[in-house]
Amino acid sequence: MYRSRAWATLVASIVLILTASGCISSDDGPNVFRLCGNSVIDDHEACDDGNLSDVDDCLATCQFNVCGDEFLDSQGPNNIEMCDGRAINRTCSSLGFQGGTLSCNSDCTFNTSACTPRPTPTPPPTPTATAT
C-alpha cells in the first residue's frame, strides 16, 4: 500500500509541475506526450526528431534542449553544451587537471575554478663540469 501511495504522489507531483510550468494544461489529459517521437510536430510539441532521447537537440518531451534545462545536449547536431547545470559528464582530471571539482557555468561551459592544476615538474639538475 505504501508503494502505491508513493507512486501516486510522484505522478501527481510530476503532473502538477508540468501544469505549473505551462508544459500541459488541465484539459490535455494523460496522453499529452503520446505522439512525441513520431517525427511529426504535433500539438504541444516544439520539435520532434523521431526519438525519445534527452541527449540531443530535441528532448523526449518534444521541447528543444536548451542551456539551463539540466539536460546535456551531447549528441545533437548543435552539440554546443559542455555541461548543463548538474549534468556534467567530465571531471577536472579528464580535462588535464590534477583533481578538484568541476562545475558548470550558467552559459553551459565548464567552470574549472575549483580544479587543481597539475604540479609543474622540476627539471633534474644539470651536472656541471668541475675544474681539477
N, C-alpha and C. Protein backbone atom coordinates (compact mmCIF):
# COMPACT_ATOMS: atom_id res chain seq x y z
N MET A 1 0.82 -1.19 0.00
CA MET A 1 0.00 0.00 0.00
C MET A 1 0.87 1.26 0.00
N TYR A 2 1.97 1.22 0.77
CA TYR A 2 2.84 2.39 0.83
C TYR A 2 3.43 2.71 -0.54
N ARG A 3 3.84 1.64 -1.28
CA ARG A 3 4.42 1.86 -2.60
C ARG A 3 3.43 2.49 -3.55
N SER A 4 2.19 2.02 -3.56
CA SER A 4 1.21 2.58 -4.49
C SER A 4 0.90 4.04 -4.13
N ARG A 5 0.89 4.36 -2.85
CA ARG A 5 0.66 5.74 -2.44
C ARG A 5 1.86 6.61 -2.85
N ALA A 6 3.08 6.09 -2.71
CA ALA A 6 4.27 6.83 -3.10
C ALA A 6 4.27 7.09 -4.61
N TRP A 7 3.89 6.07 -5.40
CA TRP A 7 3.83 6.25 -6.86
C TRP A 7 2.76 7.26 -7.24
N ALA A 8 1.63 7.18 -6.60
CA ALA A 8 0.55 8.12 -6.90
C ALA A 8 0.98 9.55 -6.56
N THR A 9 1.69 9.71 -5.45
CA THR A 9 2.18 11.03 -5.07
C THR A 9 3.20 11.53 -6.07
N LEU A 10 4.09 10.64 -6.54
CA LEU A 10 5.10 11.01 -7.53
C LEU A 10 4.44 11.44 -8.84
N VAL A 11 3.49 10.68 -9.33
CA VAL A 11 2.80 11.01 -10.58
C VAL A 11 2.04 12.32 -10.44
N ALA A 12 1.36 12.49 -9.34
CA ALA A 12 0.62 13.74 -9.12
C ALA A 12 1.57 14.93 -9.06
N SER A 13 2.74 14.76 -8.45
CA SER A 13 3.73 15.83 -8.37
C SER A 13 4.24 16.20 -9.75
N ILE A 14 4.51 15.21 -10.58
CA ILE A 14 5.01 15.46 -11.93
C ILE A 14 3.96 16.21 -12.75
N VAL A 15 2.72 15.78 -12.67
CA VAL A 15 1.65 16.46 -13.40
C VAL A 15 1.51 17.90 -12.91
N LEU A 16 1.60 18.09 -11.61
CA LEU A 16 1.49 19.44 -11.04
C LEU A 16 2.63 20.33 -11.54
N ILE A 17 3.85 19.80 -11.57
CA ILE A 17 5.00 20.57 -12.05
C ILE A 17 4.82 20.91 -13.52
N LEU A 18 4.43 19.94 -14.34
CA LEU A 18 4.23 20.20 -15.77
C LEU A 18 3.12 21.21 -16.00
N THR A 19 2.07 21.12 -15.22
CA THR A 19 0.96 22.07 -15.37
C THR A 19 1.41 23.46 -14.97
N ALA A 20 2.12 23.58 -13.84
CA ALA A 20 2.58 24.88 -13.36
C ALA A 20 3.59 25.51 -14.31
N SER A 21 4.39 24.68 -14.97
CA SER A 21 5.41 25.22 -15.87
C SER A 21 4.84 25.56 -17.24
N GLY A 22 3.59 25.22 -17.48
CA GLY A 22 2.97 25.54 -18.77
C GLY A 22 3.18 24.47 -19.82
N CYS A 23 3.81 23.35 -19.44
CA CYS A 23 4.03 22.28 -20.41
C CYS A 23 2.73 21.61 -20.81
N ILE A 24 1.81 21.49 -19.87
CA ILE A 24 0.50 20.93 -20.18
C ILE A 24 -0.55 21.74 -19.45
N SER A 25 -1.76 21.65 -19.90
CA SER A 25 -2.85 22.29 -19.18
C SER A 25 -3.77 21.20 -18.66
N SER A 26 -4.66 21.56 -17.78
CA SER A 26 -5.51 20.56 -17.14
C SER A 26 -6.41 19.83 -18.13
N ASP A 27 -6.67 20.40 -19.31
CA ASP A 27 -7.54 19.72 -20.26
C ASP A 27 -6.76 18.90 -21.29
N ASP A 28 -5.43 18.76 -21.12
CA ASP A 28 -4.63 17.98 -22.06
C ASP A 28 -4.80 16.48 -21.85
N GLY A 29 -5.14 16.07 -20.67
CA GLY A 29 -5.32 14.66 -20.40
C GLY A 29 -3.99 13.95 -20.21
N PRO A 30 -4.06 12.64 -19.92
CA PRO A 30 -2.84 11.89 -19.59
C PRO A 30 -1.97 11.57 -20.80
N ASN A 31 -2.45 11.76 -22.01
CA ASN A 31 -1.69 11.36 -23.19
C ASN A 31 -1.07 12.53 -23.94
N VAL A 32 -0.72 13.60 -23.23
CA VAL A 32 -0.23 14.81 -23.89
C VAL A 32 1.03 14.55 -24.71
N PHE A 33 1.89 13.63 -24.27
CA PHE A 33 3.13 13.35 -24.99
C PHE A 33 3.06 12.05 -25.80
N ARG A 34 1.89 11.52 -26.03
CA ARG A 34 1.76 10.22 -26.68
C ARG A 34 2.30 10.21 -28.10
N LEU A 35 2.32 11.33 -28.80
CA LEU A 35 2.80 11.37 -30.17
C LEU A 35 4.25 11.83 -30.27
N CYS A 36 4.86 12.18 -29.16
CA CYS A 36 6.24 12.62 -29.17
C CYS A 36 7.13 11.47 -29.64
N GLY A 37 7.99 11.76 -30.58
CA GLY A 37 8.89 10.73 -31.11
C GLY A 37 8.43 10.15 -32.43
N ASN A 38 7.35 10.72 -33.03
CA ASN A 38 6.84 10.18 -34.30
C ASN A 38 7.34 10.95 -35.51
N SER A 39 8.30 11.86 -35.32
CA SER A 39 8.90 12.68 -36.39
C SER A 39 7.94 13.70 -36.99
N VAL A 40 6.81 13.95 -36.33
CA VAL A 40 5.85 14.96 -36.78
C VAL A 40 5.62 15.92 -35.62
N ILE A 41 5.68 17.22 -35.89
CA ILE A 41 5.43 18.19 -34.81
C ILE A 41 3.93 18.32 -34.61
N ASP A 42 3.45 17.73 -33.51
CA ASP A 42 2.03 17.72 -33.17
C ASP A 42 1.75 18.82 -32.14
N ASP A 43 0.48 18.93 -31.70
CA ASP A 43 0.12 19.89 -30.66
C ASP A 43 1.03 19.71 -29.46
N HIS A 44 1.37 20.82 -28.81
CA HIS A 44 2.20 20.86 -27.60
C HIS A 44 3.66 20.54 -27.86
N GLU A 45 4.08 20.31 -29.11
CA GLU A 45 5.46 19.98 -29.41
C GLU A 45 6.17 21.15 -30.08
N ALA A 46 7.36 21.44 -29.61
CA ALA A 46 8.19 22.46 -30.25
C ALA A 46 9.09 21.82 -31.30
N CYS A 47 9.38 20.53 -31.11
CA CYS A 47 10.22 19.77 -32.04
C CYS A 47 9.83 18.30 -31.94
N ASP A 48 10.23 17.50 -32.89
CA ASP A 48 10.02 16.06 -32.85
C ASP A 48 11.01 15.43 -33.81
N ASP A 49 12.10 14.90 -33.24
CA ASP A 49 13.17 14.35 -34.07
C ASP A 49 13.06 12.84 -34.26
N GLY A 50 11.93 12.26 -33.88
CA GLY A 50 11.71 10.84 -34.14
C GLY A 50 12.28 9.90 -33.10
N ASN A 51 12.77 10.44 -31.97
CA ASN A 51 13.26 9.57 -30.90
C ASN A 51 12.87 10.17 -29.55
N LEU A 52 13.10 9.44 -28.51
CA LEU A 52 12.76 9.91 -27.16
C LEU A 52 14.03 10.10 -26.33
N SER A 53 15.08 10.59 -26.96
CA SER A 53 16.35 10.82 -26.30
C SER A 53 16.38 12.20 -25.65
N ASP A 54 17.04 12.29 -24.50
CA ASP A 54 17.20 13.57 -23.82
C ASP A 54 18.62 14.12 -23.98
N VAL A 55 19.44 13.52 -24.85
CA VAL A 55 20.82 13.99 -25.02
C VAL A 55 21.08 14.53 -26.43
N ASP A 56 20.02 14.92 -27.11
CA ASP A 56 20.17 15.55 -28.42
C ASP A 56 19.41 16.86 -28.44
N ASP A 57 19.21 17.45 -29.60
CA ASP A 57 18.61 18.79 -29.69
C ASP A 57 17.14 18.85 -29.29
N CYS A 58 16.43 17.72 -29.34
CA CYS A 58 15.01 17.66 -29.02
C CYS A 58 14.79 16.64 -27.91
N LEU A 59 14.25 17.08 -26.79
CA LEU A 59 14.06 16.20 -25.63
C LEU A 59 12.94 15.19 -25.85
N ALA A 60 12.83 14.24 -24.95
CA ALA A 60 11.77 13.23 -25.01
C ALA A 60 10.39 13.82 -24.77
N THR A 61 10.33 15.08 -24.35
CA THR A 61 9.06 15.79 -24.18
C THR A 61 8.72 16.61 -25.42
N CYS A 62 9.55 16.47 -26.47
CA CYS A 62 9.41 17.22 -27.72
C CYS A 62 9.50 18.73 -27.51
N GLN A 63 10.37 19.12 -26.58
CA GLN A 63 10.74 20.51 -26.37
C GLN A 63 12.23 20.62 -26.71
N PHE A 64 12.67 21.78 -27.15
CA PHE A 64 14.07 21.94 -27.51
C PHE A 64 14.97 21.81 -26.30
N ASN A 65 16.10 21.16 -26.48
CA ASN A 65 17.12 21.04 -25.45
C ASN A 65 17.90 22.36 -25.44
N VAL A 66 17.76 23.11 -24.37
CA VAL A 66 18.40 24.42 -24.27
C VAL A 66 19.27 24.48 -23.02
N CYS A 67 20.22 25.36 -23.02
CA CYS A 67 21.08 25.57 -21.86
C CYS A 67 20.22 25.98 -20.67
N GLY A 68 20.41 25.30 -19.55
CA GLY A 68 19.67 25.61 -18.34
C GLY A 68 18.55 24.64 -18.03
N ASP A 69 18.31 23.66 -18.91
CA ASP A 69 17.22 22.71 -18.66
C ASP A 69 17.67 21.45 -17.94
N GLU A 70 18.96 21.38 -17.57
CA GLU A 70 19.54 20.25 -16.85
C GLU A 70 19.70 19.00 -17.73
N PHE A 71 19.52 19.12 -19.04
CA PHE A 71 19.75 18.01 -19.97
C PHE A 71 20.93 18.38 -20.85
N LEU A 72 21.94 17.52 -20.89
CA LEU A 72 23.15 17.78 -21.65
C LEU A 72 22.94 17.42 -23.11
N ASP A 73 23.06 18.39 -24.01
CA ASP A 73 22.95 18.15 -25.44
C ASP A 73 24.32 17.70 -25.94
N SER A 74 24.55 16.39 -25.90
CA SER A 74 25.87 15.86 -26.26
C SER A 74 25.87 15.10 -27.58
N GLN A 75 24.71 14.88 -28.19
CA GLN A 75 24.67 14.10 -29.43
C GLN A 75 23.98 14.83 -30.58
N GLY A 76 23.33 15.91 -30.32
CA GLY A 76 22.62 16.62 -31.37
C GLY A 76 23.57 17.33 -32.31
N PRO A 77 23.09 17.71 -33.47
CA PRO A 77 23.95 18.40 -34.42
C PRO A 77 24.44 19.76 -33.91
N ASN A 78 23.69 20.39 -33.01
CA ASN A 78 24.14 21.68 -32.47
C ASN A 78 25.21 21.48 -31.40
N ASN A 79 25.09 20.44 -30.60
CA ASN A 79 26.08 19.98 -29.63
C ASN A 79 26.95 21.12 -29.09
N ILE A 80 26.32 22.12 -28.51
CA ILE A 80 27.07 23.28 -28.04
C ILE A 80 27.22 23.32 -26.52
N GLU A 81 26.65 22.37 -25.82
CA GLU A 81 26.73 22.37 -24.37
C GLU A 81 27.88 21.48 -23.89
N MET A 82 28.77 22.05 -23.10
CA MET A 82 29.81 21.25 -22.45
C MET A 82 29.22 20.56 -21.22
N CYS A 83 28.25 21.25 -20.60
CA CYS A 83 27.59 20.78 -19.40
C CYS A 83 26.26 21.52 -19.32
N ASP A 84 25.41 21.11 -18.40
CA ASP A 84 24.14 21.82 -18.21
C ASP A 84 23.70 21.63 -16.77
N GLY A 85 23.95 22.63 -15.94
CA GLY A 85 23.60 22.52 -14.52
C GLY A 85 24.40 21.42 -13.85
N ARG A 86 23.71 20.44 -13.32
CA ARG A 86 24.39 19.30 -12.70
C ARG A 86 24.72 18.21 -13.70
N ALA A 87 24.30 18.37 -14.94
CA ALA A 87 24.60 17.38 -15.98
C ALA A 87 26.01 17.64 -16.52
N ILE A 88 26.98 16.95 -15.94
CA ILE A 88 28.38 17.10 -16.32
C ILE A 88 28.94 15.69 -16.53
N ASN A 89 29.44 15.42 -17.72
CA ASN A 89 29.96 14.08 -17.96
C ASN A 89 31.49 14.06 -18.03
N ARG A 90 32.13 15.06 -17.46
CA ARG A 90 33.58 15.14 -17.40
C ARG A 90 34.01 15.42 -15.96
N THR A 91 35.30 15.35 -15.72
CA THR A 91 35.87 15.68 -14.40
C THR A 91 37.06 16.62 -14.61
N CYS A 92 37.53 17.19 -13.52
CA CYS A 92 38.74 18.02 -13.62
C CYS A 92 39.89 17.19 -14.20
N SER A 93 40.04 15.96 -13.71
CA SER A 93 41.12 15.09 -14.18
C SER A 93 41.02 14.82 -15.67
N SER A 94 39.81 14.60 -16.16
CA SER A 94 39.66 14.30 -17.59
C SER A 94 39.98 15.52 -18.47
N LEU A 95 40.00 16.71 -17.85
CA LEU A 95 40.36 17.93 -18.58
C LEU A 95 41.83 18.30 -18.39
N GLY A 96 42.60 17.42 -17.74
CA GLY A 96 44.04 17.65 -17.59
C GLY A 96 44.47 18.25 -16.27
N PHE A 97 43.54 18.45 -15.35
CA PHE A 97 43.89 18.96 -14.04
C PHE A 97 44.25 17.81 -13.12
N GLN A 98 44.91 18.11 -12.00
CA GLN A 98 45.26 17.06 -11.04
C GLN A 98 44.01 16.52 -10.35
N GLY A 99 43.09 17.38 -10.04
CA GLY A 99 41.87 16.97 -9.34
C GLY A 99 41.00 18.19 -9.11
N GLY A 100 40.11 18.07 -8.14
CA GLY A 100 39.21 19.17 -7.81
C GLY A 100 37.78 18.86 -8.23
N THR A 101 36.95 19.88 -8.19
CA THR A 101 35.53 19.72 -8.50
C THR A 101 35.16 20.59 -9.69
N LEU A 102 34.74 19.95 -10.75
CA LEU A 102 34.31 20.64 -11.95
C LEU A 102 32.84 21.03 -11.79
N SER A 103 32.50 22.22 -12.20
CA SER A 103 31.10 22.65 -12.16
C SER A 103 30.75 23.27 -13.51
N CYS A 104 29.52 23.75 -13.60
CA CYS A 104 29.01 24.26 -14.87
C CYS A 104 28.62 25.72 -14.72
N ASN A 105 29.07 26.55 -15.66
CA ASN A 105 28.67 27.95 -15.69
C ASN A 105 27.25 28.08 -16.23
N SER A 106 26.63 29.22 -16.03
CA SER A 106 25.26 29.42 -16.49
C SER A 106 25.13 29.42 -18.01
N ASP A 107 26.27 29.56 -18.74
CA ASP A 107 26.22 29.50 -20.20
C ASP A 107 26.59 28.12 -20.73
N CYS A 108 26.53 27.11 -19.84
CA CYS A 108 26.78 25.70 -20.18
C CYS A 108 28.20 25.44 -20.65
N THR A 109 29.16 26.17 -20.09
CA THR A 109 30.57 25.91 -20.29
C THR A 109 31.15 25.46 -18.95
N PHE A 110 32.30 24.78 -19.00
CA PHE A 110 32.92 24.28 -17.78
C PHE A 110 33.44 25.42 -16.92
N ASN A 111 33.24 25.29 -15.61
CA ASN A 111 33.83 26.18 -14.62
C ASN A 111 34.94 25.38 -13.95
N THR A 112 36.18 25.71 -14.27
CA THR A 112 37.32 24.97 -13.75
C THR A 112 37.99 25.68 -12.57
N SER A 113 37.32 26.67 -12.00
CA SER A 113 37.94 27.46 -10.92
C SER A 113 38.24 26.62 -9.67
N ALA A 114 37.53 25.52 -9.46
CA ALA A 114 37.79 24.67 -8.30
C ALA A 114 38.65 23.45 -8.65
N CYS A 115 39.19 23.43 -9.87
CA CYS A 115 40.10 22.36 -10.28
C CYS A 115 41.51 22.73 -9.84
N THR A 116 42.29 21.73 -9.47
CA THR A 116 43.67 21.98 -9.06
C THR A 116 44.61 21.63 -10.20
N PRO A 117 45.52 22.55 -10.51
CA PRO A 117 46.44 22.29 -11.64
C PRO A 117 47.43 21.19 -11.30
N ARG A 118 47.92 20.56 -12.33
CA ARG A 118 48.98 19.57 -12.14
C ARG A 118 50.25 20.32 -11.76
N PRO A 119 51.03 19.73 -10.86
CA PRO A 119 52.27 20.42 -10.50
C PRO A 119 53.22 20.46 -11.70
N THR A 120 53.96 21.56 -11.79
CA THR A 120 54.95 21.68 -12.85
C THR A 120 56.16 20.85 -12.45
N PRO A 121 56.54 19.91 -13.32
CA PRO A 121 57.69 19.08 -12.95
C PRO A 121 58.96 19.92 -12.85
N THR A 122 59.74 19.63 -11.83
CA THR A 122 61.02 20.31 -11.66
C THR A 122 62.05 19.55 -12.47
N PRO A 123 62.75 20.25 -13.37
CA PRO A 123 63.74 19.52 -14.16
C PRO A 123 64.89 19.06 -13.28
N PRO A 124 65.48 17.92 -13.63
CA PRO A 124 66.60 17.44 -12.84
C PRO A 124 67.78 18.42 -12.99
N PRO A 125 68.59 18.51 -11.95
CA PRO A 125 69.72 19.42 -12.05
C PRO A 125 70.67 19.00 -13.17
N THR A 126 71.22 19.99 -13.84
CA THR A 126 72.17 19.71 -14.91
C THR A 126 73.56 19.60 -14.30
N PRO A 127 74.21 18.49 -14.54
CA PRO A 127 75.56 18.36 -13.97
C PRO A 127 76.49 19.41 -14.61
N THR A 128 77.34 19.96 -13.80
CA THR A 128 78.32 20.92 -14.31
C THR A 128 79.71 20.32 -14.18
N ALA A 129 80.54 20.70 -15.10
CA ALA A 129 81.92 20.19 -15.05
C ALA A 129 82.68 20.89 -13.92
N THR A 130 83.48 20.16 -13.26
CA THR A 130 84.28 20.73 -12.17
C THR A 130 85.72 20.81 -12.65
N ALA A 131 86.42 21.84 -12.26
CA ALA A 131 87.82 22.02 -12.65
C ALA A 131 88.70 21.21 -11.72
N THR A 132 89.71 20.57 -12.29
CA THR A 132 90.65 19.81 -11.47
C THR A 132 92.03 20.35 -11.53
